C-alpha atoms as a PDB file:
ATOM      1  CA  MET A   1     -83.622-138.067 -45.399  1.00  0.00           C
ATOM      2  CA  ASP A   2     -85.738-136.432 -48.029  1.00  0.00           C
ATOM      3  CA  THR A   3     -84.999-133.103 -49.715  1.00  0.00           C
ATOM      4  CA  LYS A   4     -87.589-131.171 -47.758  1.00  0.00           C
ATOM      5  CA  THR A   5     -86.186-132.310 -44.385  1.00  0.00           C
ATOM      6  CA  LEU A   6     -82.659-131.547 -45.578  1.00  0.00           C
ATOM      7  CA  ILE A   7     -83.666-127.982 -46.600  1.00  0.00           C
ATOM      8  CA  VAL A   8     -85.457-127.400 -43.263  1.00  0.00           C
ATOM      9  CA  THR A   9     -82.419-128.710 -41.343  1.00  0.00           C
ATOM     10  CA  ILE A  10     -80.012-126.498 -43.318  1.00  0.00           C
ATOM     11  CA  LEU A  11     -82.230-123.408 -42.931  1.00  0.00           C
ATOM     12  CA  SER A  12     -82.815-123.969 -39.224  1.00  0.00           C
ATOM     13  CA  SER A  13     -79.103-124.456 -38.524  1.00  0.00           C
ATOM     14  CA  SER A  14     -78.305-121.342 -40.600  1.00  0.00           C
ATOM     15  CA  PHE A  15     -80.926-119.409 -38.648  1.00  0.00           C
ATOM     16  CA  LEU A  16     -79.527-120.721 -35.344  1.00  0.00           C
ATOM     17  CA  ALA A  17     -75.969-119.812 -36.386  1.00  0.00           C
ATOM     18  CA  ALA A  18     -77.067-116.309 -37.429  1.00  0.00           C
ATOM     19  CA  THR A  19     -78.922-115.836 -34.135  1.00  0.00           C
ATOM     20  CA  VAL A  20     -75.964-116.995 -32.017  1.00  0.00           C
ATOM     21  CA  THR A  21     -73.566-114.815 -34.037  1.00  0.00           C
ATOM     22  CA  SER A  22     -75.831-111.783 -33.663  1.00  0.00           C
ATOM     23  CA  LEU A  23     -76.176-112.302 -29.905  1.00  0.00           C
ATOM     24  CA  ALA A  24     -72.428-112.775 -29.463  1.00  0.00           C
ATOM     25  CA  SER A  25     -71.728-109.687 -31.570  1.00  0.00           C
ATOM     26  CA  GLY A  26     -74.285-107.652 -29.609  1.00  0.00           C
ATOM     27  CA  LEU A  27     -72.851-108.727 -26.241  1.00  0.00           C
ATOM     28  CA  PHE A  28     -69.324-107.976 -27.434  1.00  0.00           C
ATOM     29  CA  SER A  29     -70.461-104.545 -28.632  1.00  0.00           C
ATOM     30  CA  LEU A  30     -72.095-103.805 -25.254  1.00  0.00           C
ATOM     31  CA  LYS A  31     -68.901-104.828 -23.456  1.00  0.00           C
ATOM     32  CA  LEU A  32     -66.875-102.486 -25.678  1.00  0.00           C
ATOM     33  CA  LYS A  33     -69.312 -99.618 -25.012  1.00  0.00           C
ATOM     34  CA  LYS A  34     -69.031-100.202 -21.268  1.00  0.00           C
ATOM     35  CA  ASN A  35     -65.226-100.197 -21.511  1.00  0.00           C
ATOM     36  CA  ASP A  36     -65.338 -96.974 -23.556  1.00  0.00           C
ATOM     37  CA  PHE A  37     -67.583 -95.364 -20.940  1.00  0.00           C
ATOM     38  CA  LEU A  38     -65.234 -96.387 -18.090  1.00  0.00           C
ATOM     39  CA  TYR A  39     -62.212 -95.158 -20.048  1.00  0.00           C
ATOM     40  CA  ASP A  40     -63.878 -91.763 -20.659  1.00  0.00           C
ATOM     41  CA  PHE A  41     -65.002 -91.570 -17.023  1.00  0.00           C
ATOM     42  CA  HIS A  42     -61.481 -92.256 -15.728  1.00  0.00           C
ATOM     43  CA  LYS A  43     -59.973 -89.855 -18.251  1.00  0.00           C
ATOM     44  CA  ASN A  44     -62.306 -87.052 -17.106  1.00  0.00           C
ATOM     45  CA  ILE A  45     -61.432 -87.647 -13.463  1.00  0.00           C
ATOM     46  CA  LEU A  46     -57.729 -87.774 -14.276  1.00  0.00           C
ATOM     47  CA  ASP A  47     -57.984 -84.494 -16.224  1.00  0.00           C
ATOM     48  CA  LYS A  48     -59.645 -82.806 -13.226  1.00  0.00           C
ATOM     49  CA  ARG A  49     -57.014 -84.203 -10.867  1.00  0.00           C
ATOM     50  CA  ILE A  50     -54.196 -82.995 -13.112  1.00  0.00           C
ATOM     51  CA  MET A  51     -55.663 -79.480 -13.156  1.00  0.00           C
ATOM     52  CA  ALA A  52     -55.984 -79.487  -9.358  1.00  0.00           C
ATOM     53  CA  TYR A  53     -52.429 -80.729  -8.859  1.00  0.00           C
ATOM     54  CA  GLU A  54     -51.130 -78.091 -11.277  1.00  0.00           C
ATOM     55  CA  THR A  55     -52.669 -75.494  -8.962  1.00  0.00           C
ATOM     56  CA  VAL A  56     -50.926 -77.110  -5.989  1.00  0.00           C
ATOM     57  CA  GLU A  57     -47.662 -77.110  -7.924  1.00  0.00           C
ATOM     58  CA  SER A  58     -48.056 -73.354  -8.455  1.00  0.00           C
ATOM     59  CA  ILE A  59     -48.597 -72.837  -4.726  1.00  0.00           C
ATOM     60  CA  ILE A  60     -45.445 -74.802  -3.935  1.00  0.00           C
ATOM     61  CA  ALA A  61     -43.467 -72.835  -6.519  1.00  0.00           C
ATOM     62  CA  SER A  62     -44.697 -69.499  -5.151  1.00  0.00           C
ATOM     63  CA  LEU A  63     -43.454 -70.453  -1.675  1.00  0.00           C
ATOM     64  CA  ARG A  64     -40.019 -71.721  -2.719  1.00  0.00           C
ATOM     65  CA  GLY A  65     -38.270 -68.365  -2.994  1.00  0.00           C
ATOM     66  CA  SER A  66     -36.974 -66.793   0.199  1.00  0.00           C
ATOM     67  CA  ILE A  67     -35.332 -63.507   1.059  1.00  0.00           C
ATOM     68  CA  VAL A  68     -33.057 -62.663   3.982  1.00  0.00           C
ATOM     69  CA  ASP A  69     -33.754 -59.130   5.164  1.00  0.00           C
ATOM     70  CA  GLN A  70     -31.164 -56.698   6.523  1.00  0.00           C
ATOM     71  CA  ASP A  71     -32.059 -57.753  10.056  1.00  0.00           C
ATOM     72  CA  GLY A  72     -31.034 -61.328   9.189  1.00  0.00           C
ATOM     73  CA  LEU A  73     -34.581 -62.707   9.257  1.00  0.00           C
ATOM     74  CA  SER A  74     -35.962 -64.705   6.342  1.00  0.00           C
ATOM     75  CA  TYR A  75     -39.344 -64.464   4.679  1.00  0.00           C
ATOM     76  CA  HIS A  76     -40.914 -65.944   1.580  1.00  0.00           C
ATOM     77  CA  GLN A  77     -40.587 -63.898  -1.556  1.00  0.00           C
ATOM     78  CA  VAL A  78     -44.352 -63.884  -2.086  1.00  0.00           C
ATOM     79  CA  PHE A  79     -44.606 -61.360   0.769  1.00  0.00           C
ATOM     80  CA  SER A  80     -42.195 -58.907  -0.872  1.00  0.00           C
ATOM     81  CA  PHE A  81     -44.325 -58.132  -3.931  1.00  0.00           C
ATOM     82  CA  GLY A  82     -47.021 -56.166  -2.117  1.00  0.00           C
ATOM     83  CA  ASN A  83     -50.692 -56.652  -1.367  1.00  0.00           C
ATOM     84  CA  GLU A  84     -51.848 -57.188  -4.942  1.00  0.00           C
ATOM     85  CA  GLU A  85     -49.496 -60.103  -5.567  1.00  0.00           C
ATOM     86  CA  PHE A  86     -50.268 -61.562  -2.141  1.00  0.00           C
ATOM     87  CA  ILE A  87     -53.978 -61.408  -2.992  1.00  0.00           C
ATOM     88  CA  ASN A  88     -53.206 -63.281  -6.233  1.00  0.00           C
ATOM     89  CA  HIS A  89     -51.395 -65.886  -4.115  1.00  0.00           C
ATOM     90  CA  LEU A  90     -54.446 -66.134  -1.842  1.00  0.00           C
ATOM     91  CA  ILE A  91     -56.654 -66.601  -4.908  1.00  0.00           C
ATOM     92  CA  LEU A  92     -54.402 -69.503  -5.921  1.00  0.00           C
ATOM     93  CA  ILE A  93     -54.824 -71.032  -2.455  1.00  0.00           C
ATOM     94  CA  GLN A  94     -58.600 -70.591  -2.700  1.00  0.00           C
ATOM     95  CA  SER A  95     -58.602 -72.167  -6.145  1.00  0.00           C
ATOM     96  CA  ALA A  96     -56.842 -75.253  -4.775  1.00  0.00           C
ATOM     97  CA  MET A  97     -59.318 -75.410  -1.903  1.00  0.00           C
ATOM     98  CA  LYS A  98     -62.215 -75.296  -4.374  1.00  0.00           C
ATOM     99  CA  GLN A  99     -60.651 -78.203  -6.259  1.00  0.00           C
ATOM    100  CA  GLY A 100     -60.252 -80.180  -3.035  1.00  0.00           C
ATOM    101  CA  MET A 101     -62.482 -83.010  -4.172  1.00  0.00           C
ATOM    102  CA  TRP A 102     -59.843 -83.914  -6.787  1.00  0.00           C
ATOM    103  CA  LEU A 103     -56.942 -83.747  -4.300  1.00  0.00           C
ATOM    104  CA  SER A 104     -55.917 -86.218  -1.641  1.00  0.00           C
ATOM    105  CA  SER A 105     -57.008 -85.437   1.898  1.00  0.00           C
ATOM    106  CA  ASP A 106     -53.354 -84.955   2.903  1.00  0.00           C
ATOM    107  CA  ILE A 107     -52.811 -82.290   0.228  1.00  0.00           C
ATOM    108  CA  THR A 108     -56.038 -80.561   1.243  1.00  0.00           C
ATOM    109  CA  LYS A 109     -54.988 -80.631   4.904  1.00  0.00           C
ATOM    110  CA  HIS A 110     -51.702 -78.825   4.190  1.00  0.00           C
ATOM    111  CA  ILE A 111     -53.309 -76.257   1.906  1.00  0.00           C
ATOM    112  CA  ASN A 112     -55.912 -75.543   4.584  1.00  0.00           C
ATOM    113  CA  GLN A 113     -53.132 -75.170   7.148  1.00  0.00           C
ATOM    114  CA  ILE A 114     -51.309 -72.611   4.973  1.00  0.00           C
ATOM    115  CA  ASN A 115     -54.586 -70.765   4.527  1.00  0.00           C
ATOM    116  CA  TYR A 116     -55.104 -70.853   8.305  1.00  0.00           C
ATOM    117  CA  ILE A 117     -51.662 -69.280   8.857  1.00  0.00           C
ATOM    118  CA  TYR A 118     -52.583 -66.536   6.400  1.00  0.00           C
ATOM    119  CA  LEU A 119     -55.646 -65.572   8.464  1.00  0.00           C
ATOM    120  CA  ASN A 120     -53.316 -63.470  10.648  1.00  0.00           C
ATOM    121  CA  ALA A 121     -51.784 -61.564   7.741  1.00  0.00           C
ATOM    122  CA  ASP A 122     -51.944 -57.808   8.088  1.00  0.00           C
ATOM    123  CA  GLU A 123     -50.775 -54.769   6.131  1.00  0.00           C
ATOM    124  CA  ASP A 124     -47.095 -55.355   6.918  1.00  0.00           C
ATOM    125  CA  LEU A 125     -46.667 -58.501   4.836  1.00  0.00           C
ATOM    126  CA  ILE A 126     -42.900 -58.636   5.205  1.00  0.00           C
ATOM    127  CA  GLU A 127     -43.105 -58.644   9.018  1.00  0.00           C
ATOM    128  CA  PHE A 128     -45.887 -61.228   8.817  1.00  0.00           C
ATOM    129  CA  GLY A 129     -43.680 -63.309   6.504  1.00  0.00           C
ATOM    130  CA  LYS A 130     -40.762 -63.106   8.930  1.00  0.00           C
ATOM    131  CA  ASP A 131     -42.922 -64.032  11.922  1.00  0.00           C
ATOM    132  CA  ASN A 132     -44.386 -67.045  10.113  1.00  0.00           C
ATOM    133  CA  TYR A 133     -41.427 -68.078   7.952  1.00  0.00           C
ATOM    134  CA  GLU A 134     -40.753 -71.359   9.724  1.00  0.00           C
ATOM    135  CA  SER A 135     -44.374 -72.516   9.942  1.00  0.00           C
ATOM    136  CA  ILE A 136     -45.035 -71.654   6.269  1.00  0.00           C
ATOM    137  CA  ALA A 137     -41.766 -73.339   5.207  1.00  0.00           C
ATOM    138  CA  ASN A 138     -42.699 -76.476   7.177  1.00  0.00           C
ATOM    139  CA  GLU A 139     -46.161 -76.608   5.617  1.00  0.00           C
ATOM    140  CA  ARG A 140     -44.735 -76.010   2.148  1.00  0.00           C
ATOM    141  CA  ASN A 141     -42.229 -78.805   2.718  1.00  0.00           C
ATOM    142  CA  ASN A 142     -44.991 -81.141   3.939  1.00  0.00           C
ATOM    143  CA  LEU A 143     -47.137 -80.143   0.960  1.00  0.00           C
ATOM    144  CA  GLU A 144     -44.260 -80.818  -1.415  1.00  0.00           C
ATOM    145  CA  ASN A 145     -43.602 -84.272   0.087  1.00  0.00           C
ATOM    146  CA  VAL A 146     -47.251 -85.284  -0.160  1.00  0.00           C
ATOM    147  CA  PHE A 147     -47.408 -83.847  -3.683  1.00  0.00           C
ATOM    148  CA  ALA A 148     -44.459 -86.039  -4.751  1.00  0.00           C
ATOM    149  CA  ARG A 149     -46.142 -89.107  -3.241  1.00  0.00           C
ATOM    150  CA  ASP A 150     -49.539 -88.332  -4.775  1.00  0.00           C
ATOM    151  CA  ILE A 151     -48.293 -87.483  -8.248  1.00  0.00           C
ATOM    152  CA  SER A 152     -46.829 -90.975  -8.626  1.00  0.00           C
ATOM    153  CA  LYS A 153     -50.304 -92.451  -8.017  1.00  0.00           C
ATOM    154  CA  LEU A 154     -52.366 -89.827  -9.805  1.00  0.00           C
ATOM    155  CA  HIS A 155     -53.454 -92.300 -12.495  1.00  0.00           C
ATOM    156  CA  GLU A 156     -54.848 -94.776  -9.950  1.00  0.00           C
ATOM    157  CA  ILE A 157     -58.469 -93.660 -10.118  1.00  0.00           C
ATOM    158  CA  GLU A 158     -60.254 -96.516  -8.321  1.00  0.00           C
ATOM    159  CA  PRO A 159     -58.199 -96.282  -5.075  1.00  0.00           C
ATOM    160  CA  PHE A 160     -58.590 -92.483  -5.136  1.00  0.00           C
ATOM    161  CA  LEU A 161     -62.379 -92.704  -5.497  1.00  0.00           C
ATOM    162  CA  LEU A 162     -62.513 -95.294  -2.733  1.00  0.00           C
ATOM    163  CA  SER A 163     -60.460 -93.057  -0.428  1.00  0.00           C
ATOM    164  CA  LYS A 164     -62.784 -90.134  -1.153  1.00  0.00           C
ATOM    165  CA  SER A 165     -65.890 -92.204  -0.415  1.00  0.00           C
ATOM    166  CA  ASN A 166     -64.359 -93.311   2.911  1.00  0.00           C
ATOM    167  CA  GLU A 167     -63.257 -89.799   3.934  1.00  0.00           C
ATOM    168  CA  SER A 168     -64.920 -88.136   6.847  1.00  0.00           C
ATOM    169  CA  ASN A 169     -67.332 -85.427   5.807  1.00  0.00           C
ATOM    170  CA  GLU A 170     -66.616 -83.469   8.967  1.00  0.00           C
ATOM    171  CA  TYR A 171     -65.011 -80.118   8.446  1.00  0.00           C
ATOM    172  CA  ASN A 172     -62.901 -78.446  11.093  1.00  0.00           C
ATOM    173  CA  PHE A 173     -64.076 -74.872  11.152  1.00  0.00           C
ATOM    174  CA  VAL A 174     -61.509 -72.298  12.107  1.00  0.00           C
ATOM    175  CA  ASN A 175     -62.577 -70.100  14.980  1.00  0.00           C
ATOM    176  CA  VAL A 176     -61.574 -66.708  13.602  1.00  0.00           C
ATOM    177  CA  LYS A 177     -62.156 -64.994  16.949  1.00  0.00           C
ATOM    178  CA  SER A 178     -59.410 -67.030  18.604  1.00  0.00           C
ATOM    179  CA  VAL A 179     -56.884 -66.416  15.824  1.00  0.00           C
END
């Protein structure tokens, strides 16, 4: 082999090695970028879910306190603070409903049911609370059980997204006239 052929062979193998190294490095870099994007995407979804579940936690906490009135009937403490505080409680319920896309369908169902019960609320909140104590307590208990189940799987983004894409888009409208 002469010197010229040896130099061409060395240069061509160096060029080939540099090309293969560059391609491998570029592909590796693209894979890392894709992983970074997926990580950020999942983190953003998880952050939104955490905020939504914090709202649900506040709803549960606001319905945990109960009072027994002089007539021996119980009602939730949220009804004893007057209209302004009850309106703040309703705003919390509405906030959770607005964040429904980040909540499981079971959580959303129980929040909607509590909201449905509240459609009959009138000026006498304490009497309303007494009349609906058991149904609100049952829904709060159901909400709390589903919350405990969901919170343990909150980080599982792919199954959550799959469940949301398979959910029915039908909405059960409440007939206010029949309430």
